[in-house]
């Protein structure tokens, strides 16, 4: 087995060698660090340009909206809502009227029932009185058949 210290030393040497290595692009000499920083700057710049382009597209999309059509549609919706509100108020009024009519009919029926019960009570009282009178006359006639009553 190889010594861990030897492997770490070899890794350090390789790292140092890579750090000192230079690349030439378009006549310019770059180290790894400079190349990574340049790639980061270029990608950030491209990302910013793309974000600006997307934002421009969104602004153009919003600017091209037909606000008149939306306003007309909102007005139409508002009119429908007002119509529904009026219809609902009419239904509520009809229900209140029907409820009141039901109460009025109930009151009249109750009044007629009370009057009928009063008449029945009077009739029953007259029947009882007539019955008592007839029983009394009948008893008198039975007690004295010759009296002529």
C-alpha atoms as a PDB file:
ATOM      1  CA  UNK A   1       0.000   0.000   0.000  1.00  0.00           C
ATOM      2  CA  UNK A   2       1.155   3.432  -0.817  1.00  0.00           C
ATOM      3  CA  UNK A   3       1.613   6.026   1.836  1.00  0.00           C
ATOM      4  CA  UNK A   4      -1.266   8.521   2.128  1.00  0.00           C
ATOM      5  CA  UNK A   5       1.191  11.370   2.569  1.00  0.00           C
ATOM      6  CA  UNK A   6       2.842  10.545  -0.747  1.00  0.00           C
ATOM      7  CA  UNK A   7      -0.486  10.565  -2.547  1.00  0.00           C
ATOM      8  CA  UNK A   8      -1.434  13.931  -0.996  1.00  0.00           C
ATOM      9  CA  UNK A   9       1.948  15.397  -2.039  1.00  0.00           C
ATOM     10  CA  UNK A  10       1.406  14.128  -5.574  1.00  0.00           C
ATOM     11  CA  UNK A  11      -2.077  15.686  -5.622  1.00  0.00           C
ATOM     12  CA  UNK A  12      -0.633  19.033  -4.450  1.00  0.00           C
ATOM     13  CA  UNK A  13       1.946  18.941  -7.228  1.00  0.00           C
ATOM     14  CA  UNK A  14      -0.747  18.228  -9.817  1.00  0.00           C
ATOM     15  CA  UNK A  15      -2.846  21.103  -8.451  1.00  0.00           C
ATOM     16  CA  UNK A  16       0.081  23.497  -8.590  1.00  0.00           C
ATOM     17  CA  UNK A  17       0.890  22.360 -12.115  1.00  0.00           C
ATOM     18  CA  UNK A  18      -2.714  22.971 -13.214  1.00  0.00           C
ATOM     19  CA  UNK A  19      -2.774  26.389 -11.515  1.00  0.00           C
ATOM     20  CA  UNK A  20       0.360  27.426 -13.419  1.00  0.00           C
ATOM     21  CA  UNK A  21      -0.813  26.022 -16.755  1.00  0.00           C
ATOM     22  CA  UNK A  22      -1.886  28.703 -19.241  1.00  0.00           C
ATOM     23  CA  UNK A  23      -4.236  28.491 -22.211  1.00  0.00           C
ATOM     24  CA  UNK A  24      -4.060  30.716 -25.265  1.00  0.00           C
ATOM     25  CA  UNK A  25      -7.361  31.787 -26.829  1.00  0.00           C
ATOM     26  CA  UNK A  26      -7.397  34.326 -29.693  1.00  0.00           C
ATOM     27  CA  UNK A  27      -3.899  35.344 -28.811  1.00  0.00           C
ATOM     28  CA  UNK A  28      -4.660  35.926 -25.145  1.00  0.00           C
ATOM     29  CA  UNK A  29      -3.141  33.804 -22.404  1.00  0.00           C
ATOM     30  CA  UNK A  30      -5.445  32.649 -19.555  1.00  0.00           C
ATOM     31  CA  UNK A  31      -5.019  30.610 -16.396  1.00  0.00           C
ATOM     32  CA  UNK A  32      -7.746  28.192 -15.166  1.00  0.00           C
ATOM     33  CA  UNK A  33      -8.979  30.726 -12.634  1.00  0.00           C
ATOM     34  CA  UNK A  34      -9.188  33.501 -15.205  1.00  0.00           C
ATOM     35  CA  UNK A  35     -10.969  31.170 -17.607  1.00  0.00           C
ATOM     36  CA  UNK A  36     -13.593  30.194 -14.981  1.00  0.00           C
ATOM     37  CA  UNK A  37     -14.131  33.853 -14.005  1.00  0.00           C
ATOM     38  CA  UNK A  38     -14.477  34.846 -17.660  1.00  0.00           C
ATOM     39  CA  UNK A  39     -17.005  32.035 -18.230  1.00  0.00           C
ATOM     40  CA  UNK A  40     -18.988  33.247 -15.198  1.00  0.00           C
ATOM     41  CA  UNK A  41     -18.975  36.842 -16.456  1.00  0.00           C
ATOM     42  CA  UNK A  42     -20.012  35.802 -19.977  1.00  0.00           C
ATOM     43  CA  UNK A  43     -22.823  33.540 -18.677  1.00  0.00           C
ATOM     44  CA  UNK A  44     -24.071  36.301 -16.333  1.00  0.00           C
ATOM     45  CA  UNK A  45     -24.093  38.785 -19.197  1.00  0.00           C
ATOM     46  CA  UNK A  46     -25.960  36.338 -21.444  1.00  0.00           C
ATOM     47  CA  UNK A  47     -28.444  35.588 -18.639  1.00  0.00           C
ATOM     48  CA  UNK A  48     -29.053  39.311 -18.118  1.00  0.00           C
ATOM     49  CA  UNK A  49     -29.606  39.805 -21.856  1.00  0.00           C
ATOM     50  CA  UNK A  50     -32.044  36.866 -21.961  1.00  0.00           C
ATOM     51  CA  UNK A  51     -33.937  38.200 -18.923  1.00  0.00           C
ATOM     52  CA  UNK A  52     -34.174  41.601 -20.614  1.00  0.00           C
ATOM     53  CA  UNK A  53     -35.481  39.956 -23.786  1.00  0.00           C
ATOM     54  CA  UNK A  54     -38.134  37.975 -21.888  1.00  0.00           C
ATOM     55  CA  UNK A  55     -39.176  41.111 -19.992  1.00  0.00           C
ATOM     56  CA  UNK A  56     -39.450  42.997 -23.294  1.00  0.00           C
ATOM     57  CA  UNK A  57     -41.689  40.219 -24.674  1.00  0.00           C
ATOM     58  CA  UNK A  58     -43.949  40.415 -21.608  1.00  0.00           C
ATOM     59  CA  UNK A  59     -44.178  44.205 -21.871  1.00  0.00           C
ATOM     60  CA  UNK A  60     -45.055  43.921 -25.567  1.00  0.00           C
ATOM     61  CA  UNK A  61     -47.672  41.301 -24.750  1.00  0.00           C
ATOM     62  CA  UNK A  62     -49.236  43.535 -22.117  1.00  0.00           C
ATOM     63  CA  UNK A  63     -49.085  46.556 -24.428  1.00  0.00           C
ATOM     64  CA  UNK A  64     -50.872  44.642 -27.176  1.00  0.00           C
ATOM     65  CA  UNK A  65     -53.840  43.705 -24.964  1.00  0.00           C
ATOM     66  CA  UNK A  66     -57.193  45.013 -26.151  1.00  0.00           C
ATOM     67  CA  UNK A  67     -58.331  46.867 -23.056  1.00  0.00           C
ATOM     68  CA  UNK A  68     -61.526  47.970 -24.785  1.00  0.00           C
ATOM     69  CA  UNK A  69     -62.631  44.365 -25.186  1.00  0.00           C
ATOM     70  CA  UNK A  70     -61.908  43.674 -21.518  1.00  0.00           C
ATOM     71  CA  UNK A  71     -63.828  46.783 -20.518  1.00  0.00           C
ATOM     72  CA  UNK A  72     -66.781  45.727 -22.682  1.00  0.00           C
ATOM     73  CA  UNK A  73     -66.721  42.235 -21.222  1.00  0.00           C
ATOM     74  CA  UNK A  74     -66.583  43.649 -17.682  1.00  0.00           C
ATOM     75  CA  UNK A  75     -69.523  45.945 -18.493  1.00  0.00           C
ATOM     76  CA  UNK A  76     -71.491  42.994 -19.841  1.00  0.00           C
ATOM     77  CA  UNK A  77     -70.718  40.976 -16.720  1.00  0.00           C
ATOM     78  CA  UNK A  78     -71.731  43.913 -14.544  1.00  0.00           C
ATOM     79  CA  UNK A  79     -75.048  44.184 -16.401  1.00  0.00           C
ATOM     80  CA  UNK A  80     -75.701  40.466 -15.939  1.00  0.00           C
ATOM     81  CA  UNK A  81     -75.003  40.772 -12.214  1.00  0.00           C
ATOM     82  CA  UNK A  82     -77.377  43.730 -11.909  1.00  0.00           C
ATOM     83  CA  UNK A  83     -80.062  41.780 -13.790  1.00  0.00           C
ATOM     84  CA  UNK A  84     -79.589  38.829 -11.442  1.00  0.00           C
ATOM     85  CA  UNK A  85     -79.831  41.153  -8.434  1.00  0.00           C
ATOM     86  CA  UNK A  86     -83.110  42.622  -9.704  1.00  0.00           C
ATOM     87  CA  UNK A  87     -84.455  39.136 -10.373  1.00  0.00           C
ATOM     88  CA  UNK A  88     -83.449  38.023  -6.887  1.00  0.00           C
ATOM     89  CA  UNK A  89     -85.150  41.058  -5.334  1.00  0.00           C
ATOM     90  CA  UNK A  90     -88.306  40.281  -7.334  1.00  0.00           C
ATOM     91  CA  UNK A  91     -88.256  36.659  -6.167  1.00  0.00           C
ATOM     92  CA  UNK A  92     -87.752  37.775  -2.568  1.00  0.00           C
ATOM     93  CA  UNK A  93     -90.710  40.189  -2.847  1.00  0.00           C
ATOM     94  CA  UNK A  94     -92.887  37.453  -4.365  1.00  0.00           C
ATOM     95  CA  UNK A  95     -91.960  35.127  -1.508  1.00  0.00           C
ATOM     96  CA  UNK A  96     -92.800  37.813   1.048  1.00  0.00           C
ATOM     97  CA  UNK A  97     -96.161  38.406  -0.690  1.00  0.00           C
ATOM     98  CA  UNK A  98     -96.914  34.663  -0.797  1.00  0.00           C
ATOM     99  CA  UNK A  99     -96.003  34.363   2.876  1.00  0.00           C
ATOM    100  CA  UNK A 100     -98.295  37.262   3.781  1.00  0.00           C
ATOM    101  CA  UNK A 101    -101.104  35.799   1.668  1.00  0.00           C
ATOM    102  CA  UNK A 102    -100.684  32.459   3.449  1.00  0.00           C
ATOM    103  CA  UNK A 103    -100.872  34.177   6.817  1.00  0.00           C
ATOM    104  CA  UNK A 104    -103.993  36.095   5.725  1.00  0.00           C
ATOM    105  CA  UNK A 105    -105.699  32.897   4.541  1.00  0.00           C
ATOM    106  CA  UNK A 106    -104.737  31.131   7.761  1.00  0.00           C
ATOM    107  CA  UNK A 107    -106.196  33.991   9.810  1.00  0.00           C
ATOM    108  CA  UNK A 108    -109.462  33.954   7.864  1.00  0.00           C
ATOM    109  CA  UNK A 109    -109.761  30.161   8.202  1.00  0.00           C
ATOM    110  CA  UNK A 110    -109.065  30.397  11.936  1.00  0.00           C
ATOM    111  CA  UNK A 111    -111.668  33.161  12.288  1.00  0.00           C
ATOM    112  CA  UNK A 112    -114.259  31.053  10.442  1.00  0.00           C
ATOM    113  CA  UNK A 113    -113.441  28.037  12.586  1.00  0.00           C
ATOM    114  CA  UNK A 114    -113.866  30.115  15.745  1.00  0.00           C
ATOM    115  CA  UNK A 115    -117.210  31.482  14.476  1.00  0.00           C
ATOM    116  CA  UNK A 116    -118.349  27.969  13.529  1.00  0.00           C
ATOM    117  CA  UNK A 117    -117.355  26.653  16.953  1.00  0.00           C
ATOM    118  CA  UNK A 118    -119.285  29.521  18.598  1.00  0.00           C
ATOM    119  CA  UNK A 119    -122.365  28.695  16.506  1.00  0.00           C
ATOM    120  CA  UNK A 120    -121.989  25.008  17.356  1.00  0.00           C
ATOM    121  CA  UNK A 121    -121.737  25.863  21.060  1.00  0.00           C
ATOM    122  CA  UNK A 122    -124.900  28.008  20.812  1.00  0.00           C
ATOM    123  CA  UNK A 123    -126.692  25.277  18.859  1.00  0.00           C
ATOM    124  CA  UNK A 124    -125.671  22.631  21.415  1.00  0.00           C
ATOM    125  CA  UNK A 125    -126.885  24.916  24.205  1.00  0.00           C
ATOM    126  CA  UNK A 126    -130.247  25.370  22.435  1.00  0.00           C
ATOM    127  CA  UNK A 127    -130.515  21.628  21.861  1.00  0.00           C
ATOM    128  CA  UNK A 128    -129.792  21.018  25.564  1.00  0.00           C
ATOM    129  CA  UNK A 129    -132.347  23.659  26.563  1.00  0.00           C
ATOM    130  CA  UNK A 130    -134.961  22.219  24.186  1.00  0.00           C
ATOM    131  CA  UNK A 131    -134.183  18.704  25.403  1.00  0.00           C
ATOM    132  CA  UNK A 132    -134.581  19.804  29.016  1.00  0.00           C
ATOM    133  CA  UNK A 133    -137.879  21.542  28.218  1.00  0.00           C
ATOM    134  CA  UNK A 134    -139.208  18.528  26.358  1.00  0.00           C
ATOM    135  CA  UNK A 135    -138.125  16.156  29.110  1.00  0.00           C
ATOM    136  CA  UNK A 136    -139.783  18.451  31.647  1.00  0.00           C
ATOM    137  CA  UNK A 137    -143.026  18.629  29.645  1.00  0.00           C
ATOM    138  CA  UNK A 138    -142.933  14.916  29.020  1.00  0.00           C
ATOM    139  CA  UNK A 139    -142.418  14.229  32.724  1.00  0.00           C
ATOM    140  CA  UNK A 140    -145.300  16.557  33.624  1.00  0.00           C
ATOM    141  CA  UNK A 141    -147.510  14.840  31.063  1.00  0.00           C
ATOM    142  CA  UNK A 142    -146.576  11.447  32.418  1.00  0.00           C
ATOM    143  CA  UNK A 143    -147.111  12.548  36.010  1.00  0.00           C
ATOM    144  CA  UNK A 144    -150.554  13.957  35.293  1.00  0.00           C
ATOM    145  CA  UNK A 145    -152.006  12.648  32.039  1.00  0.00           C
ATOM    146  CA  UNK A 146    -155.279  14.492  32.593  1.00  0.00           C
ATOM    147  CA  UNK A 147    -153.848  17.970  33.080  1.00  0.00           C
ATOM    148  CA  UNK A 148    -153.866  18.803  29.395  1.00  0.00           C
ATOM    149  CA  UNK A 149    -150.320  20.032  29.072  1.00  0.00           C
END
